[in-house]
Amino acid sequence: MATACALHILVKTEKQALELKEKLANGGDFAKLARKFSLCPSGKKGGDLGEFRPGQMVKAFDNVVFKKPILKVHGPVKTKFGYHLIKTIYRS
């Protein structure tokens, strides 16, 4: 079965997600921004969600992690939790 490892930053608004995405595009450190802004407990670990399989995350999240190019920041992706910026580190 496929597995993947991803980082994410979860915020309340699309506006904030877009501002953070711009900071990342300008060389911002994903882990530092996750620790500072992410509402998810994973923020403490720099947004690291560890390894997971399809179906363990909400569908909109899975669609990015398992289908979009790796090592690029995708989003904002809206889920019931808020807006995510997602960076897939690897997929197997």
PDB file of N, CA and C in Angstrom:
ATOM      1  N   MET A   1       0.847  -1.205   0.000  1.00  0.00           N
ATOM      2  CA  MET A   1       0.000   0.000   0.000  1.00  0.00           C
ATOM      3  C   MET A   1       0.885   1.258   0.000  1.00  0.00           C
ATOM      4  N   ALA A   2       0.408   2.257  -0.676  1.00  0.00           N
ATOM      5  CA  ALA A   2       1.146   3.524  -0.770  1.00  0.00           C
ATOM      6  C   ALA A   2       1.239   4.197   0.596  1.00  0.00           C
ATOM      7  N   THR A   3       2.343   4.882   0.815  1.00  0.00           N
ATOM      8  CA  THR A   3       2.477   5.725   1.996  1.00  0.00           C
ATOM      9  C   THR A   3       3.085   7.043   1.541  1.00  0.00           C
ATOM     10  N   ALA A   4       2.934   8.050   2.391  1.00  0.00           N
ATOM     11  CA  ALA A   4       3.524   9.351   2.093  1.00  0.00           C
ATOM     12  C   ALA A   4       3.882  10.027   3.399  1.00  0.00           C
ATOM     13  N   CYS A   5       4.752  11.010   3.292  1.00  0.00           N
ATOM     14  CA  CYS A   5       5.116  11.842   4.429  1.00  0.00           C
ATOM     15  C   CYS A   5       4.907  13.285   3.991  1.00  0.00           C
ATOM     16  N   ALA A   6       4.232  14.056   4.827  1.00  0.00           N
ATOM     17  CA  ALA A   6       3.937  15.438   4.457  1.00  0.00           C
ATOM     18  C   ALA A   6       4.059  16.380   5.648  1.00  0.00           C
ATOM     19  N   LEU A   7       4.295  17.637   5.305  1.00  0.00           N
ATOM     20  CA  LEU A   7       4.272  18.727   6.279  1.00  0.00           C
ATOM     21  C   LEU A   7       3.053  19.576   5.945  1.00  0.00           C
ATOM     22  N   HIS A   8       2.471  20.200   6.944  1.00  0.00           N
ATOM     23  CA  HIS A   8       1.405  21.150   6.628  1.00  0.00           C
ATOM     24  C   HIS A   8       1.355  22.257   7.664  1.00  0.00           C
ATOM     25  N   ILE A   9       0.719  23.345   7.232  1.00  0.00           N
ATOM     26  CA  ILE A   9       0.426  24.471   8.118  1.00  0.00           C
ATOM     27  C   ILE A   9      -1.084  24.665   8.031  1.00  0.00           C
ATOM     28  N   LEU A  10      -1.733  24.677   9.169  1.00  0.00           N
ATOM     29  CA  LEU A  10      -3.189  24.843   9.238  1.00  0.00           C
ATOM     30  C   LEU A  10      -3.514  26.200   9.852  1.00  0.00           C
ATOM     31  N   VAL A  11      -4.295  27.004   9.118  1.00  0.00           N
ATOM     32  CA  VAL A  11      -4.731  28.305   9.629  1.00  0.00           C
ATOM     33  C   VAL A  11      -6.237  28.457   9.420  1.00  0.00           C
ATOM     34  N   LYS A  12      -6.816  29.485  10.052  1.00  0.00           N
ATOM     35  CA  LYS A  12      -8.266  29.678  10.001  1.00  0.00           C
ATOM     36  C   LYS A  12      -8.762  30.266   8.678  1.00  0.00           C
ATOM     37  N   THR A  13      -7.970  31.170   8.066  1.00  0.00           N
ATOM     38  CA  THR A  13      -8.480  31.893   6.901  1.00  0.00           C
ATOM     39  C   THR A  13      -7.642  31.649   5.650  1.00  0.00           C
ATOM     40  N   GLU A  14      -8.305  31.741   4.519  1.00  0.00           N
ATOM     41  CA  GLU A  14      -7.621  31.610   3.239  1.00  0.00           C
ATOM     42  C   GLU A  14      -6.600  32.732   3.073  1.00  0.00           C
ATOM     43  N   LYS A  15      -6.969  33.932   3.553  1.00  0.00           N
ATOM     44  CA  LYS A  15      -6.073  35.088   3.458  1.00  0.00           C
ATOM     45  C   LYS A  15      -4.753  34.802   4.172  1.00  0.00           C
ATOM     46  N   GLN A  16      -4.825  34.271   5.382  1.00  0.00           N
ATOM     47  CA  GLN A  16      -3.600  33.971   6.125  1.00  0.00           C
ATOM     48  C   GLN A  16      -2.790  32.880   5.422  1.00  0.00           C
ATOM     49  N   ALA A  17      -3.473  31.886   4.878  1.00  0.00           N
ATOM     50  CA  ALA A  17      -2.777  30.813   4.157  1.00  0.00           C
ATOM     51  C   ALA A  17      -2.031  31.389   2.954  1.00  0.00           C
ATOM     52  N   LEU A  18      -2.670  32.297   2.239  1.00  0.00           N
ATOM     53  CA  LEU A  18      -2.024  32.913   1.068  1.00  0.00           C
ATOM     54  C   LEU A  18      -0.829  33.766   1.480  1.00  0.00           C
ATOM     55  N   GLU A  19      -0.947  34.472   2.593  1.00  0.00           N
ATOM     56  CA  GLU A  19       0.184  35.281   3.090  1.00  0.00           C
ATOM     57  C   GLU A  19       1.368  34.375   3.442  1.00  0.00           C
ATOM     58  N   LEU A  20       1.089  33.254   4.097  1.00  0.00           N
ATOM     59  CA  LEU A  20       2.155  32.320   4.467  1.00  0.00           C
ATOM     60  C   LEU A  20       2.763  31.673   3.224  1.00  0.00           C
ATOM     61  N   LYS A  21       1.912  31.378   2.244  1.00  0.00           N
ATOM     62  CA  LYS A  21       2.419  30.772   0.999  1.00  0.00           C
ATOM     63  C   LYS A  21       3.388  31.725   0.310  1.00  0.00           C
ATOM     64  N   GLU A  22       3.072  33.010   0.362  1.00  0.00           N
ATOM     65  CA  GLU A  22       3.964  34.014  -0.230  1.00  0.00           C
ATOM     66  C   GLU A  22       5.302  34.057   0.518  1.00  0.00           C
ATOM     67  N   LYS A  23       5.240  33.997   1.855  1.00  0.00           N
ATOM     68  CA  LYS A  23       6.482  33.964   2.643  1.00  0.00           C
ATOM     69  C   LYS A  23       7.325  32.751   2.264  1.00  0.00           C
ATOM     70  N   LEU A  24       6.680  31.598   2.087  1.00  0.00           N
ATOM     71  CA  LEU A  24       7.397  30.382   1.697  1.00  0.00           C
ATOM     72  C   LEU A  24       8.022  30.543   0.314  1.00  0.00           C
ATOM     73  N   ALA A  25       7.275  31.158  -0.609  1.00  0.00           N
ATOM     74  CA  ALA A  25       7.770  31.377  -1.972  1.00  0.00           C
ATOM     75  C   ALA A  25       8.998  32.286  -1.973  1.00  0.00           C
ATOM     76  N   ASN A  26       9.062  33.163  -0.964  1.00  0.00           N
ATOM     77  CA  ASN A  26      10.192  34.086  -0.852  1.00  0.00           C
ATOM     78  C   ASN A  26      11.299  33.532   0.047  1.00  0.00           C
ATOM     79  N   GLY A  27      11.299  32.221   0.262  1.00  0.00           N
ATOM     80  CA  GLY A  27      12.385  31.595   1.004  1.00  0.00           C
ATOM     81  C   GLY A  27      12.125  31.354   2.480  1.00  0.00           C
ATOM     82  N   GLY A  28      10.884  31.547   2.912  1.00  0.00           N
ATOM     83  CA  GLY A  28      10.553  31.305   4.318  1.00  0.00           C
ATOM     84  C   GLY A  28      10.756  29.844   4.691  1.00  0.00           C
ATOM     85  N   ASP A  29      11.072  29.586   5.942  1.00  0.00           N
ATOM     86  CA  ASP A  29      11.317  28.236   6.441  1.00  0.00           C
ATOM     87  C   ASP A  29       9.980  27.591   6.845  1.00  0.00           C
ATOM     88  N   PHE A  30       9.620  26.497   6.171  1.00  0.00           N
ATOM     89  CA  PHE A  30       8.325  25.849   6.401  1.00  0.00           C
ATOM     90  C   PHE A  30       8.146  25.474   7.874  1.00  0.00           C
ATOM     91  N   ALA A  31       9.160  24.823   8.447  1.00  0.00           N
ATOM     92  CA  ALA A  31       9.044  24.353   9.834  1.00  0.00           C
ATOM     93  C   ALA A  31       8.872  25.515  10.816  1.00  0.00           C
ATOM     94  N   LYS A  32       9.630  26.603  10.603  1.00  0.00           N
ATOM     95  CA  LYS A  32       9.515  27.768  11.501  1.00  0.00           C
ATOM     96  C   LYS A  32       8.129  28.389  11.403  1.00  0.00           C
ATOM     97  N   LEU A  33       7.624  28.529  10.170  1.00  0.00           N
ATOM     98  CA  LEU A  33       6.292  29.117   9.991  1.00  0.00           C
ATOM     99  C   LEU A  33       5.223  28.200  10.580  1.00  0.00           C
ATOM    100  N   ALA A  34       5.398  26.894  10.438  1.00  0.00           N
ATOM    101  CA  ALA A  34       4.428  25.951  11.018  1.00  0.00           C
ATOM    102  C   ALA A  34       4.411  26.079  12.536  1.00  0.00           C
ATOM    103  N   ARG A  35       5.608  26.148  13.138  1.00  0.00           N
ATOM    104  CA  ARG A  35       5.663  26.273  14.598  1.00  0.00           C
ATOM    105  C   ARG A  35       4.999  27.551  15.082  1.00  0.00           C
ATOM    106  N   LYS A  36       5.143  28.611  14.309  1.00  0.00           N
ATOM    107  CA  LYS A  36       4.612  29.911  14.722  1.00  0.00           C
ATOM    108  C   LYS A  36       3.105  30.052  14.457  1.00  0.00           C
ATOM    109  N   PHE A  37       2.628  29.529  13.322  1.00  0.00           N
ATOM    110  CA  PHE A  37       1.255  29.839  12.902  1.00  0.00           C
ATOM    111  C   PHE A  37       0.264  28.675  12.873  1.00  0.00           C
ATOM    112  N   SER A  38       0.745  27.431  12.758  1.00  0.00           N
ATOM    113  CA  SER A  38      -0.180  26.320  12.547  1.00  0.00           C
ATOM    114  C   SER A  38      -1.055  26.066  13.772  1.00  0.00           C
ATOM    115  N   LEU A  39      -2.342  25.827  13.519  1.00  0.00           N
ATOM    116  CA  LEU A  39      -3.297  25.525  14.588  1.00  0.00           C
ATOM    117  C   LEU A  39      -3.292  24.037  14.920  1.00  0.00           C
ATOM    118  N   CYS A  40      -2.642  23.235  14.102  1.00  0.00           N
ATOM    119  CA  CYS A  40      -2.596  21.786  14.297  1.00  0.00           C
ATOM    120  C   CYS A  40      -1.512  21.439  15.327  1.00  0.00           C
ATOM    121  N   PRO A  41      -1.740  20.420  16.172  1.00  0.00           N
ATOM    122  CA  PRO A  41      -0.700  19.998  17.106  1.00  0.00           C
ATOM    123  C   PRO A  41       0.630  19.669  16.410  1.00  0.00           C
ATOM    124  N   SER A  42       0.570  19.269  15.129  1.00  0.00           N
ATOM    125  CA  SER A  42       1.803  18.959  14.383  1.00  0.00           C
ATOM    126  C   SER A  42       2.681  20.198  14.198  1.00  0.00           C
ATOM    127  N   GLY A  43       2.116  21.371  14.393  1.00  0.00           N
ATOM    128  CA  GLY A  43       2.882  22.611  14.276  1.00  0.00           C
ATOM    129  C   GLY A  43       4.115  22.617  15.174  1.00  0.00           C
ATOM    130  N   LYS A  44       3.976  22.008  16.352  1.00  0.00           N
ATOM    131  CA  LYS A  44       5.105  21.927  17.288  1.00  0.00           C
ATOM    132  C   LYS A  44       6.282  21.164  16.690  1.00  0.00           C
ATOM    133  N   LYS A  45       5.973  20.254  15.753  1.00  0.00           N
ATOM    134  CA  LYS A  45       7.017  19.466  15.090  1.00  0.00           C
ATOM    135  C   LYS A  45       7.325  20.042  13.708  1.00  0.00           C
ATOM    136  N   GLY A  46       7.076  21.325  13.537  1.00  0.00           N
ATOM    137  CA  GLY A  46       7.344  21.962  12.250  1.00  0.00           C
ATOM    138  C   GLY A  46       6.358  21.562  11.174  1.00  0.00           C
ATOM    139  N   GLY A  47       5.183  21.118  11.601  1.00  0.00           N
ATOM    140  CA  GLY A  47       4.137  20.731  10.647  1.00  0.00           C
ATOM    141  C   GLY A  47       4.249  19.299  10.165  1.00  0.00           C
ATOM    142  N   ASP A  48       5.183  18.534  10.733  1.00  0.00           N
ATOM    143  CA  ASP A  48       5.437  17.169  10.267  1.00  0.00           C
ATOM    144  C   ASP A  48       4.324  16.224  10.707  1.00  0.00           C
ATOM    145  N   LEU A  49       3.649  15.622   9.730  1.00  0.00           N
ATOM    146  CA  LEU A  49       2.571  14.676  10.021  1.00  0.00           C
ATOM    147  C   LEU A  49       3.075  13.238  10.043  1.00  0.00           C
ATOM    148  N   GLY A  50       4.352  13.051   9.750  1.00  0.00           N
ATOM    149  CA  GLY A  50       4.890  11.694   9.713  1.00  0.00           C
ATOM    150  C   GLY A  50       4.377  10.949   8.489  1.00  0.00           C
ATOM    151  N   GLU A  51       4.468   9.625   8.548  1.00  0.00           N
ATOM    152  CA  GLU A  51       4.067   8.809   7.400  1.00  0.00           C
ATOM    153  C   GLU A  51       2.632   8.342   7.580  1.00  0.00           C
ATOM    154  N   PHE A  52       1.863   8.340   6.503  1.00  0.00           N
ATOM    155  CA  PHE A  52       0.481   7.881   6.567  1.00  0.00           C
ATOM    156  C   PHE A  52       0.063   7.290   5.232  1.00  0.00           C
ATOM    157  N   ARG A  53      -1.071   6.601   5.252  1.00  0.00           N
ATOM    158  CA  ARG A  53      -1.605   5.929   4.061  1.00  0.00           C
ATOM    159  C   ARG A  53      -2.836   6.667   3.549  1.00  0.00           C
ATOM    160  N   PRO A  54      -3.215   6.428   2.284  1.00  0.00           N
ATOM    161  CA  PRO A  54      -4.457   7.026   1.775  1.00  0.00           C
ATOM    162  C   PRO A  54      -5.629   6.644   2.674  1.00  0.00           C
ATOM    163  N   GLY A  55      -6.501   7.605   2.915  1.00  0.00           N
ATOM    164  CA  GLY A  55      -7.677   7.347   3.732  1.00  0.00           C
ATOM    165  C   GLY A  55      -7.495   7.731   5.188  1.00  0.00           C
ATOM    166  N   GLN A  56      -6.264   7.991   5.616  1.00  0.00           N
ATOM    167  CA  GLN A  56      -6.050   8.385   7.014  1.00  0.00           C
ATOM    168  C   GLN A  56      -6.300   9.874   7.223  1.00  0.00           C
ATOM    169  N   MET A  57      -6.224  10.644   6.147  1.00  0.00           N
ATOM    170  CA  MET A  57      -6.485  12.085   6.208  1.00  0.00           C
ATOM    171  C   MET A  57      -7.786  12.360   5.444  1.00  0.00           C
ATOM    172  N   VAL A  58      -8.321  13.561   5.578  1.00  0.00           N
ATOM    173  CA  VAL A  58      -9.524  13.904   4.828  1.00  0.00           C
ATOM    174  C   VAL A  58      -9.213  13.895   3.329  1.00  0.00           C
ATOM    175  N   LYS A  59     -10.253  13.662   2.524  1.00  0.00           N
ATOM    176  CA  LYS A  59     -10.082  13.460   1.085  1.00  0.00           C
ATOM    177  C   LYS A  59      -9.337  14.597   0.373  1.00  0.00           C
ATOM    178  N   ALA A  60      -9.679  15.832   0.691  1.00  0.00           N
ATOM    179  CA  ALA A  60      -9.037  16.976   0.024  1.00  0.00           C
ATOM    180  C   ALA A  60      -7.534  16.975   0.294  1.00  0.00           C
ATOM    181  N   PHE A  61      -7.157  16.521   1.485  1.00  0.00           N
ATOM    182  CA  PHE A  61      -5.757  16.451   1.881  1.00  0.00           C
ATOM    183  C   PHE A  61      -5.053  15.329   1.115  1.00  0.00           C
ATOM    184  N   ASP A  62      -5.683  14.151   1.109  1.00  0.00           N
ATOM    185  CA  ASP A  62      -5.149  13.000   0.366  1.00  0.00           C
ATOM    186  C   ASP A  62      -4.924  13.330  -1.107  1.00  0.00           C
ATOM    187  N   ASN A  63      -5.881  14.055  -1.694  1.00  0.00           N
ATOM    188  CA  ASN A  63      -5.774  14.388  -3.119  1.00  0.00           C
ATOM    189  C   ASN A  63      -4.496  15.155  -3.430  1.00  0.00           C
ATOM    190  N   VAL A  64      -4.078  16.009  -2.524  1.00  0.00           N
ATOM    191  CA  VAL A  64      -2.837  16.758  -2.722  1.00  0.00           C
ATOM    192  C   VAL A  64      -1.638  15.842  -2.490  1.00  0.00           C
ATOM    193  N   VAL A  65      -1.635  15.163  -1.351  1.00  0.00           N
ATOM    194  CA  VAL A  65      -0.463  14.373  -0.948  1.00  0.00           C
ATOM    195  C   VAL A  65      -0.173  13.224  -1.914  1.00  0.00           C
ATOM    196  N   PHE A  66      -1.222  12.571  -2.396  1.00  0.00           N
ATOM    197  CA  PHE A  66      -0.997  11.388  -3.219  1.00  0.00           C
ATOM    198  C   PHE A  66      -1.071  11.641  -4.725  1.00  0.00           C
ATOM    199  N   LYS A  67      -1.438  12.864  -5.145  1.00  0.00           N
ATOM    200  CA  LYS A  67      -1.591  13.120  -6.583  1.00  0.00           C
ATOM    201  C   LYS A  67      -0.776  14.290  -7.118  1.00  0.00           C
ATOM    202  N   LYS A  68      -0.434  15.252  -6.276  1.00  0.00           N
ATOM    203  CA  LYS A  68       0.271  16.454  -6.756  1.00  0.00           C
ATOM    204  C   LYS A  68       1.786  16.270  -6.636  1.00  0.00           C
ATOM    205  N   PRO A  69       2.552  17.112  -7.352  1.00  0.00           N
ATOM    206  CA  PRO A  69       4.023  16.989  -7.290  1.00  0.00           C
ATOM    207  C   PRO A  69       4.557  17.130  -5.863  1.00  0.00           C
ATOM    208  N   ILE A  70       5.595  16.336  -5.557  1.00  0.00           N
ATOM    209  CA  ILE A  70       6.198  16.401  -4.218  1.00  0.00           C
ATOM    210  C   ILE A  70       7.166  17.591  -4.132  1.00  0.00           C
ATOM    211  N   LEU A  71       7.487  17.962  -2.895  1.00  0.00           N
ATOM    212  CA  LEU A  71       8.435  19.039  -2.568  1.00  0.00           C
ATOM    213  C   LEU A  71       8.009  20.417  -3.075  1.00  0.00           C
ATOM    214  N   LYS A  72       6.718  20.564  -3.361  1.00  0.00           N
ATOM    215  CA  LYS A  72       6.157  21.872  -3.714  1.00  0.00           C
ATOM    216  C   LYS A  72       5.093  22.177  -2.676  1.00  0.00           C
ATOM    217  N   VAL A  73       4.888  23.464  -2.403  1.00  0.00           N
ATOM    218  CA  VAL A  73       3.851  23.851  -1.443  1.00  0.00           C
ATOM    219  C   VAL A  73       2.529  24.027  -2.191  1.00  0.00           C
ATOM    220  N   HIS A  74       1.533  23.249  -1.790  1.00  0.00           N
ATOM    221  CA  HIS A  74       0.209  23.300  -2.412  1.00  0.00           C
ATOM    222  C   HIS A  74      -0.791  23.915  -1.448  1.00  0.00           C
ATOM    223  N   GLY A  75      -1.763  24.590  -2.009  1.00  0.00           N
ATOM    224  CA  GLY A  75      -2.812  25.166  -1.179  1.00  0.00           C
ATOM    225  C   GLY A  75      -3.002  26.642  -1.494  1.00  0.00           C
ATOM    226  N   PRO A  76      -3.890  27.287  -0.768  1.00  0.00           N
ATOM    227  CA  PRO A  76      -4.643  26.758   0.365  1.00  0.00           C
ATOM    228  C   PRO A  76      -5.633  25.652  -0.040  1.00  0.00           C
ATOM    229  N   VAL A  77      -5.688  24.615   0.789  1.00  0.00           N
ATOM    230  CA  VAL A  77      -6.635  23.518   0.619  1.00  0.00           C
ATOM    231  C   VAL A  77      -7.614  23.609   1.782  1.00  0.00           C
ATOM    232  N   LYS A  78      -8.901  23.776   1.445  1.00  0.00           N
ATOM    233  CA  LYS A  78      -9.910  23.955   2.492  1.00  0.00           C
ATOM    234  C   LYS A  78     -10.438  22.604   2.953  1.00  0.00           C
ATOM    235  N   THR A  79     -10.467  22.414   4.277  1.00  0.00           N
ATOM    236  CA  THR A  79     -11.120  21.244   4.866  1.00  0.00           C
ATOM    237  C   THR A  79     -11.979  21.739   6.018  1.00  0.00           C
ATOM    238  N   LYS A  80     -12.648  20.806   6.702  1.00  0.00           N
ATOM    239  CA  LYS A  80     -13.468  21.193   7.857  1.00  0.00           C
ATOM    240  C   LYS A  80     -12.623  21.792   8.984  1.00  0.00           C
ATOM    241  N   PHE A  81     -11.305  21.584   8.923  1.00  0.00           N
ATOM    242  CA  PHE A  81     -10.412  22.090   9.968  1.00  0.00           C
ATOM    243  C   PHE A  81      -9.951  23.516   9.717  1.00  0.00           C
ATOM    244  N   GLY A  82      -9.992  23.952   8.454  1.00  0.00           N
ATOM    245  CA  GLY A  82      -9.507  25.277   8.089  1.00  0.00           C
ATOM    246  C   GLY A  82      -8.798  25.210   6.745  1.00  0.00           C
ATOM    247  N   TYR A  83      -7.759  26.013   6.587  1.00  0.00           N
ATOM    248  CA  TYR A  83      -7.012  26.076   5.332  1.00  0.00           C
ATOM    249  C   TYR A  83      -5.601  25.547   5.547  1.00  0.00           C
ATOM    250  N   HIS A  84      -5.203  24.640   4.673  1.00  0.00           N
ATOM    251  CA  HIS A  84      -3.891  24.003   4.796  1.00  0.00           C
ATOM    252  C   HIS A  84      -2.964  24.427   3.673  1.00  0.00           C
ATOM    253  N   LEU A  85      -1.684  24.563   4.010  1.00  0.00           N
ATOM    254  CA  LEU A  85      -0.612  24.571   3.017  1.00  0.00           C
ATOM    255  C   LEU A  85       0.063  23.221   3.219  1.00  0.00           C
ATOM    256  N   ILE A  86       0.248  22.494   2.145  1.00  0.00           N
ATOM    257  CA  ILE A  86       0.727  21.120   2.243  1.00  0.00           C
ATOM    258  C   ILE A  86       1.974  20.939   1.385  1.00  0.00           C
ATOM    259  N   LYS A  87       2.977  20.311   1.979  1.00  0.00           N
ATOM    260  CA  LYS A  87       4.198  19.983   1.244  1.00  0.00           C
ATOM    261  C   LYS A  87       4.486  18.507   1.451  1.00  0.00           C
ATOM    262  N   THR A  88       4.378  17.733   0.377  1.00  0.00           N
ATOM    263  CA  THR A  88       4.650  16.295   0.456  1.00  0.00           C
ATOM    264  C   THR A  88       6.151  16.091   0.339  1.00  0.00           C
ATOM    265  N   ILE A  89       6.725  15.374   1.282  1.00  0.00           N
ATOM    266  CA  ILE A  89       8.168  15.145   1.314  1.00  0.00           C
ATOM    267  C   ILE A  89       8.538  13.930   0.455  1.00  0.00           C
ATOM    268  N   TYR A  90       7.783  12.849   0.592  1.00  0.00           N
ATOM    269  CA  TYR A  90       7.991  11.694  -0.267  1.00  0.00           C
ATOM    270  C   TYR A  90       6.720  10.869  -0.334  1.00  0.00           C
ATOM    271  N   ARG A  91       6.675  10.000  -1.340  1.00  0.00           N
ATOM    272  CA  ARG A  91       5.570   9.069  -1.556  1.00  0.00           C
ATOM    273  C   ARG A  91       6.185   7.755  -1.969  1.00  0.00           C
ATOM    274  N   SER A  92       5.627   6.655  -1.490  1.00  0.00           N
ATOM    275  CA  SER A  92       6.135   5.360  -1.943  1.00  0.00           C
ATOM    276  C   SER A  92       4.986   4.492  -2.449  1.00  0.00           C
TER     277      SER A  92
END
